[in-house]
Amino acid sequence: MGSKSPPVPIGVQNWRDLYRAALFEMDSQKLPLRIAEAERALNVRACELYALSGETTEEGRSVQHALSSLRALSYCLRLKTEWPKAG
């Protein structure tokens, strides 16, 4: 019944900061790297949360939501770069 999330271990990058950096990156050249960094941090945190509690926590749901959002952003970026240019 532990709905509290374990504390973020010292030395682990805050996934929220990396997630926000990806969402608000304006440079389309830097965006793929920002997405990859955030996804990596989110996947690490998801594994940590599951290993520590074995159940879904509020933070765990937030991590899954963030991962889904990044996948959608990545897909939109691919569409934009692969879509034939009108001209």
N, C-alpha and C. Protein backbone atom coordinates (compact mmCIF):
# COMPACT_ATOMS: atom_id res chain seq x y z
N MET A 1 0.81 -1.20 0.00
CA MET A 1 0.00 0.00 0.00
C MET A 1 0.85 1.25 0.00
N GLY A 2 2.08 1.12 -0.42
CA GLY A 2 2.96 2.27 -0.42
C GLY A 2 2.75 3.13 -1.64
N SER A 3 2.00 4.20 -1.51
CA SER A 3 1.77 5.08 -2.65
C SER A 3 2.86 6.14 -2.74
N LYS A 4 3.72 6.21 -1.70
CA LYS A 4 4.81 7.16 -1.73
C LYS A 4 5.93 6.63 -2.61
N SER A 5 6.54 7.51 -3.37
CA SER A 5 7.65 7.13 -4.22
C SER A 5 8.94 7.22 -3.43
N PRO A 6 9.86 6.30 -3.70
CA PRO A 6 11.15 6.38 -3.03
C PRO A 6 11.87 7.65 -3.45
N PRO A 7 12.75 8.17 -2.59
CA PRO A 7 13.48 9.38 -2.95
C PRO A 7 14.41 9.12 -4.13
N VAL A 8 14.70 10.18 -4.87
CA VAL A 8 15.61 10.07 -6.00
C VAL A 8 17.02 9.91 -5.43
N PRO A 9 17.73 8.85 -5.82
CA PRO A 9 19.09 8.67 -5.30
C PRO A 9 20.01 9.81 -5.70
N ILE A 10 20.94 10.14 -4.82
CA ILE A 10 21.92 11.19 -5.09
C ILE A 10 22.74 10.77 -6.30
N GLY A 11 23.02 11.70 -7.20
CA GLY A 11 23.82 11.41 -8.38
C GLY A 11 23.00 11.02 -9.59
N VAL A 12 21.73 10.74 -9.41
CA VAL A 12 20.87 10.40 -10.55
C VAL A 12 20.28 11.69 -11.09
N GLN A 13 20.40 11.88 -12.41
CA GLN A 13 19.83 13.09 -12.99
C GLN A 13 18.32 13.08 -12.82
N ASN A 14 17.81 14.22 -12.55
CA ASN A 14 16.37 14.36 -12.36
C ASN A 14 15.66 14.20 -13.71
N TRP A 15 14.87 13.15 -13.83
CA TRP A 15 14.18 12.88 -15.09
C TRP A 15 13.23 14.01 -15.46
N ARG A 16 12.68 14.66 -14.47
CA ARG A 16 11.74 15.75 -14.77
C ARG A 16 12.43 16.89 -15.52
N ASP A 17 13.64 17.23 -15.09
CA ASP A 17 14.37 18.31 -15.76
C ASP A 17 14.70 17.93 -17.21
N LEU A 18 15.14 16.69 -17.41
CA LEU A 18 15.47 16.24 -18.76
C LEU A 18 14.22 16.16 -19.63
N TYR A 19 13.11 15.74 -19.04
CA TYR A 19 11.84 15.67 -19.76
C TYR A 19 11.40 17.07 -20.21
N ARG A 20 11.46 18.02 -19.29
CA ARG A 20 11.10 19.40 -19.64
C ARG A 20 12.03 19.97 -20.71
N ALA A 21 13.31 19.67 -20.59
CA ALA A 21 14.28 20.16 -21.58
C ALA A 21 13.92 19.64 -22.97
N ALA A 22 13.48 18.39 -23.06
CA ALA A 22 13.08 17.83 -24.35
C ALA A 22 11.81 18.49 -24.86
N LEU A 23 10.84 18.64 -23.98
CA LEU A 23 9.56 19.22 -24.40
C LEU A 23 9.70 20.65 -24.91
N PHE A 24 10.60 21.40 -24.30
CA PHE A 24 10.70 22.82 -24.63
C PHE A 24 11.90 23.17 -25.49
N GLU A 25 12.59 22.15 -26.02
CA GLU A 25 13.73 22.41 -26.91
C GLU A 25 13.23 23.03 -28.21
N MET A 26 13.77 24.16 -28.56
CA MET A 26 13.34 24.87 -29.77
C MET A 26 14.23 24.55 -30.97
N ASP A 27 15.43 24.07 -30.73
CA ASP A 27 16.37 23.76 -31.81
C ASP A 27 16.10 22.34 -32.30
N SER A 28 15.60 22.22 -33.52
CA SER A 28 15.24 20.90 -34.05
C SER A 28 16.46 19.99 -34.22
N GLN A 29 17.65 20.57 -34.29
CA GLN A 29 18.87 19.76 -34.38
C GLN A 29 19.20 19.12 -33.03
N LYS A 30 18.87 19.79 -31.94
CA LYS A 30 19.17 19.30 -30.59
C LYS A 30 18.06 18.41 -30.04
N LEU A 31 16.87 18.52 -30.60
CA LEU A 31 15.71 17.81 -30.06
C LEU A 31 15.89 16.29 -29.97
N PRO A 32 16.40 15.61 -31.00
CA PRO A 32 16.56 14.15 -30.87
C PRO A 32 17.46 13.75 -29.69
N LEU A 33 18.52 14.52 -29.46
CA LEU A 33 19.40 14.23 -28.32
C LEU A 33 18.69 14.46 -27.00
N ARG A 34 17.94 15.54 -26.91
CA ARG A 34 17.18 15.83 -25.68
C ARG A 34 16.17 14.70 -25.40
N ILE A 35 15.49 14.25 -26.44
CA ILE A 35 14.52 13.17 -26.28
C ILE A 35 15.23 11.91 -25.79
N ALA A 36 16.36 11.57 -26.41
CA ALA A 36 17.10 10.37 -26.03
C ALA A 36 17.59 10.44 -24.59
N GLU A 37 18.09 11.59 -24.17
CA GLU A 37 18.56 11.77 -22.78
C GLU A 37 17.41 11.58 -21.80
N ALA A 38 16.28 12.19 -22.10
CA ALA A 38 15.13 12.08 -21.22
C ALA A 38 14.60 10.65 -21.16
N GLU A 39 14.51 9.99 -22.31
CA GLU A 39 14.04 8.60 -22.33
C GLU A 39 14.95 7.69 -21.51
N ARG A 40 16.25 7.91 -21.63
CA ARG A 40 17.21 7.10 -20.87
C ARG A 40 16.99 7.28 -19.37
N ALA A 41 16.88 8.54 -18.94
CA ALA A 41 16.67 8.83 -17.52
C ALA A 41 15.33 8.27 -17.03
N LEU A 42 14.30 8.39 -17.85
CA LEU A 42 12.98 7.87 -17.48
C LEU A 42 12.99 6.35 -17.36
N ASN A 43 13.66 5.67 -18.27
CA ASN A 43 13.73 4.21 -18.20
C ASN A 43 14.49 3.75 -16.97
N VAL A 44 15.58 4.45 -16.64
CA VAL A 44 16.34 4.12 -15.43
C VAL A 44 15.45 4.30 -14.21
N ARG A 45 14.74 5.42 -14.16
CA ARG A 45 13.89 5.69 -12.98
C ARG A 45 12.75 4.69 -12.89
N ALA A 46 12.17 4.30 -14.01
CA ALA A 46 11.09 3.31 -14.00
C ALA A 46 11.59 2.00 -13.41
N CYS A 47 12.78 1.59 -13.80
CA CYS A 47 13.36 0.35 -13.26
C CYS A 47 13.64 0.48 -11.76
N GLU A 48 14.16 1.63 -11.35
CA GLU A 48 14.43 1.86 -9.93
C GLU A 48 13.15 1.78 -9.11
N LEU A 49 12.12 2.46 -9.59
CA LEU A 49 10.85 2.47 -8.85
C LEU A 49 10.27 1.07 -8.73
N TYR A 50 10.31 0.31 -9.80
CA TYR A 50 9.76 -1.03 -9.76
C TYR A 50 10.58 -1.92 -8.83
N ALA A 51 11.91 -1.79 -8.89
CA ALA A 51 12.77 -2.60 -8.04
C ALA A 51 12.58 -2.27 -6.56
N LEU A 52 12.34 -1.01 -6.27
CA LEU A 52 12.20 -0.59 -4.88
C LEU A 52 10.85 -0.93 -4.28
N SER A 53 9.80 -0.82 -5.08
CA SER A 53 8.47 -1.01 -4.50
C SER A 53 7.73 -2.21 -5.07
N GLY A 54 8.05 -2.59 -6.30
CA GLY A 54 7.35 -3.71 -6.92
C GLY A 54 5.93 -3.39 -7.32
N GLU A 55 5.52 -2.16 -7.16
CA GLU A 55 4.16 -1.77 -7.55
C GLU A 55 4.20 -0.39 -8.20
N THR A 56 3.12 -0.03 -8.82
CA THR A 56 3.04 1.26 -9.50
C THR A 56 2.78 2.35 -8.46
N THR A 57 3.61 3.38 -8.53
CA THR A 57 3.46 4.52 -7.63
C THR A 57 2.98 5.71 -8.45
N GLU A 58 2.69 6.79 -7.77
CA GLU A 58 2.30 8.01 -8.48
C GLU A 58 3.42 8.47 -9.39
N GLU A 59 4.66 8.42 -8.89
CA GLU A 59 5.78 8.80 -9.74
C GLU A 59 5.92 7.82 -10.91
N GLY A 60 5.67 6.55 -10.66
CA GLY A 60 5.75 5.55 -11.72
C GLY A 60 4.77 5.85 -12.85
N ARG A 61 3.56 6.26 -12.48
CA ARG A 61 2.56 6.63 -13.49
C ARG A 61 3.01 7.87 -14.26
N SER A 62 3.63 8.82 -13.55
CA SER A 62 4.14 10.03 -14.21
C SER A 62 5.26 9.68 -15.18
N VAL A 63 6.12 8.75 -14.79
CA VAL A 63 7.22 8.31 -15.66
C VAL A 63 6.65 7.67 -16.92
N GLN A 64 5.66 6.81 -16.78
CA GLN A 64 5.07 6.16 -17.95
C GLN A 64 4.38 7.17 -18.86
N HIS A 65 3.71 8.14 -18.28
CA HIS A 65 3.07 9.19 -19.06
C HIS A 65 4.12 10.00 -19.83
N ALA A 66 5.21 10.34 -19.16
CA ALA A 66 6.28 11.12 -19.79
C ALA A 66 6.91 10.32 -20.95
N LEU A 67 7.13 9.03 -20.74
CA LEU A 67 7.68 8.20 -21.81
C LEU A 67 6.76 8.17 -23.02
N SER A 68 5.47 8.06 -22.77
CA SER A 68 4.50 8.06 -23.88
C SER A 68 4.52 9.40 -24.62
N SER A 69 4.62 10.46 -23.88
CA SER A 69 4.66 11.79 -24.51
C SER A 69 5.91 11.96 -25.35
N LEU A 70 7.05 11.46 -24.85
CA LEU A 70 8.29 11.57 -25.62
C LEU A 70 8.23 10.72 -26.89
N ARG A 71 7.60 9.55 -26.80
CA ARG A 71 7.44 8.72 -27.99
C ARG A 71 6.61 9.46 -29.04
N ALA A 72 5.56 10.12 -28.60
CA ALA A 72 4.71 10.88 -29.53
C ALA A 72 5.49 12.05 -30.13
N LEU A 73 6.27 12.74 -29.32
CA LEU A 73 7.08 13.85 -29.81
C LEU A 73 8.11 13.36 -30.82
N SER A 74 8.74 12.24 -30.52
CA SER A 74 9.72 11.66 -31.43
C SER A 74 9.08 11.26 -32.75
N TYR A 75 7.89 10.68 -32.69
CA TYR A 75 7.16 10.29 -33.89
C TYR A 75 6.82 11.52 -34.74
N CYS A 76 6.36 12.58 -34.11
CA CYS A 76 6.03 13.81 -34.83
C CYS A 76 7.27 14.42 -35.47
N LEU A 77 8.39 14.36 -34.77
CA LEU A 77 9.64 14.87 -35.32
C LEU A 77 10.05 14.08 -36.55
N ARG A 78 9.91 12.75 -36.47
CA ARG A 78 10.24 11.91 -37.63
C ARG A 78 9.33 12.23 -38.80
N LEU A 79 8.05 12.38 -38.55
CA LEU A 79 7.12 12.73 -39.62
C LEU A 79 7.50 14.05 -40.28
N LYS A 80 7.85 15.00 -39.45
CA LYS A 80 8.21 16.32 -39.97
C LYS A 80 9.45 16.26 -40.84
N THR A 81 10.44 15.47 -40.44
CA THR A 81 11.68 15.42 -41.21
C THR A 81 11.57 14.50 -42.42
N GLU A 82 10.67 13.52 -42.37
CA GLU A 82 10.54 12.58 -43.48
C GLU A 82 9.47 12.98 -44.49
N TRP A 83 8.57 13.86 -44.08
CA TRP A 83 7.47 14.27 -44.94
C TRP A 83 8.02 15.00 -46.16
N PRO A 84 7.56 14.63 -47.35
CA PRO A 84 8.06 15.33 -48.55
C PRO A 84 7.77 16.83 -48.48
N LYS A 85 8.75 17.59 -48.82
CA LYS A 85 8.59 19.04 -48.82
C LYS A 85 7.69 19.47 -49.97
N ALA A 86 6.74 20.30 -49.63
CA ALA A 86 5.85 20.83 -50.68
C ALA A 86 6.60 21.91 -51.44
N GLY A 87 6.47 21.91 -52.68
CA GLY A 87 7.19 22.95 -53.37
C GLY A 87 6.84 23.02 -54.75
